[in-house]
Amino acid sequence: MSVSNRQLKLIKEAAELLVMEHRLTSDEAVLVISAAIKKELSVRNTNFEKLEHGSKIDRTSFTRGVVKSVQDALEANPYWRSHNLDKSIDNFYKVLHKHWD
């Protein structure tokens, strides 16, 4: 998966949010986000280039899938889980979503 500067910025900003809100290290946050992105790309049989040139509906759906995978990973690990999970997931979604506009 090749990653553009824009995509790398998106991943880094989203990872910083997870580090601040949960007990993830920067490396763990990047791994969780990368795994979610790879999973969603595979499920949709697509790549970033197609998504960037596709419809806003496709990008929004993709973003929601990534956010759901990240949320599932956070909920599965009791050390990462926090009482503000819903709020942090909402913020995480907003960070990812704003980069597609």
Protein backbone atom coordinates (compact mmCIF):
# COMPACT_ATOMS: atom_id res chain seq x y z
CA MET A 1 0.00 0.00 0.00
CA SER A 2 1.63 3.22 -1.07
CA VAL A 3 0.80 6.17 1.12
CA SER A 4 0.72 9.78 -0.06
CA ASN A 5 1.81 12.70 2.11
CA ARG A 6 -1.84 13.59 2.65
CA GLN A 7 -2.65 10.07 3.80
CA LEU A 8 0.41 9.96 6.04
CA LYS A 9 -0.66 13.25 7.65
CA LEU A 10 -4.14 11.81 8.19
CA ILE A 11 -2.76 8.69 9.89
CA LYS A 12 -0.37 10.68 12.08
CA GLU A 13 -3.05 13.13 13.21
CA ALA A 14 -5.48 10.31 13.96
CA ALA A 15 -2.75 8.39 15.81
CA GLU A 16 -1.94 11.44 17.95
CA LEU A 17 -5.58 11.60 18.98
CA LEU A 18 -5.55 7.95 20.06
CA VAL A 19 -2.33 8.47 22.02
CA MET A 20 -3.82 11.45 23.85
CA GLU A 21 -7.18 9.78 24.58
CA HIS A 22 -6.04 6.23 25.34
CA ARG A 23 -2.95 4.46 26.65
CA LEU A 24 -1.54 3.61 23.25
CA THR A 25 2.01 4.37 22.26
CA SER A 26 2.51 6.15 18.95
CA ASP A 27 3.63 2.89 17.36
CA GLU A 28 0.59 1.02 18.69
CA ALA A 29 -1.76 3.73 17.42
CA VAL A 30 -0.23 3.64 13.95
CA LEU A 31 -0.43 -0.16 13.90
CA VAL A 32 -4.10 -0.16 14.95
CA ILE A 33 -5.02 2.47 12.35
CA SER A 34 -2.94 0.83 9.61
CA ALA A 35 -4.51 -2.57 10.29
CA ALA A 36 -7.98 -1.01 10.14
CA ILE A 37 -7.18 0.75 6.86
CA LYS A 38 -5.69 -2.38 5.28
CA LYS A 39 -8.69 -4.43 6.40
CA GLU A 40 -11.18 -1.95 4.96
CA LEU A 41 -9.27 -1.61 1.69
CA SER A 42 -9.21 -5.38 1.37
CA VAL A 43 -12.91 -5.78 2.18
CA ARG A 44 -13.79 -3.18 -0.45
CA ASN A 45 -11.19 -4.46 -2.93
CA THR A 46 -9.95 -0.92 -3.53
CA ASN A 47 -7.03 1.41 -2.86
CA PHE A 48 -6.54 5.01 -1.72
CA GLU A 49 -6.27 6.34 -5.24
CA LYS A 50 -9.66 4.93 -6.21
CA LEU A 51 -11.19 6.27 -3.00
CA GLU A 52 -9.78 9.75 -3.50
CA HIS A 53 -11.27 9.91 -6.99
CA GLY A 54 -14.49 8.17 -6.00
CA SER A 55 -17.67 9.56 -4.53
CA LYS A 56 -17.95 11.25 -1.16
CA ILE A 57 -20.38 8.50 -0.16
CA ASP A 58 -17.71 5.85 -0.78
CA ARG A 59 -15.12 7.80 1.20
CA THR A 60 -17.52 8.34 4.09
CA SER A 61 -18.44 4.67 4.15
CA PHE A 62 -14.76 3.72 4.07
CA THR A 63 -13.99 6.11 6.94
CA ARG A 64 -16.81 4.68 9.04
CA GLY A 65 -15.49 1.16 8.43
CA VAL A 66 -12.00 2.19 9.54
CA VAL A 67 -13.36 3.93 12.63
CA LYS A 68 -15.44 0.86 13.54
CA SER A 69 -12.38 -1.39 13.25
CA VAL A 70 -10.33 0.97 15.44
CA GLN A 71 -13.16 1.14 17.98
CA ASP A 72 -13.36 -2.67 18.06
CA ALA A 73 -9.59 -2.90 18.65
CA LEU A 74 -9.78 -0.39 21.50
CA GLU A 75 -12.73 -2.15 23.11
CA ALA A 76 -10.99 -5.53 22.84
CA ASN A 77 -7.98 -4.35 24.83
CA PRO A 78 -8.85 -3.49 28.45
CA TYR A 79 -5.67 -1.46 28.83
CA TRP A 80 -6.64 0.85 25.93
CA ARG A 81 -10.32 1.14 26.80
CA SER A 82 -11.41 4.36 28.47
CA HIS A 83 -14.60 5.74 29.90
CA ASN A 84 -14.60 8.37 27.13
CA LEU A 85 -14.45 5.85 24.28
CA ASP A 86 -17.57 7.11 22.50
CA LYS A 87 -16.37 10.72 22.59
CA SER A 88 -12.85 9.84 21.46
CA ILE A 89 -14.18 7.65 18.63
CA ASP A 90 -16.37 10.56 17.52
CA ASN A 91 -13.32 12.84 17.54
CA PHE A 92 -11.31 10.20 15.69
CA TYR A 93 -14.02 10.01 13.01
CA LYS A 94 -14.00 13.79 12.63
CA VAL A 95 -10.22 13.83 12.15
CA LEU A 96 -10.39 11.18 9.44
CA HIS A 97 -13.47 12.61 7.77
CA LYS A 98 -12.19 16.19 7.46
CA HIS A 99 -9.25 15.02 5.34
CA TRP A 100 -11.59 13.69 2.66
CA ASP A 101 -13.39 17.00 2.04
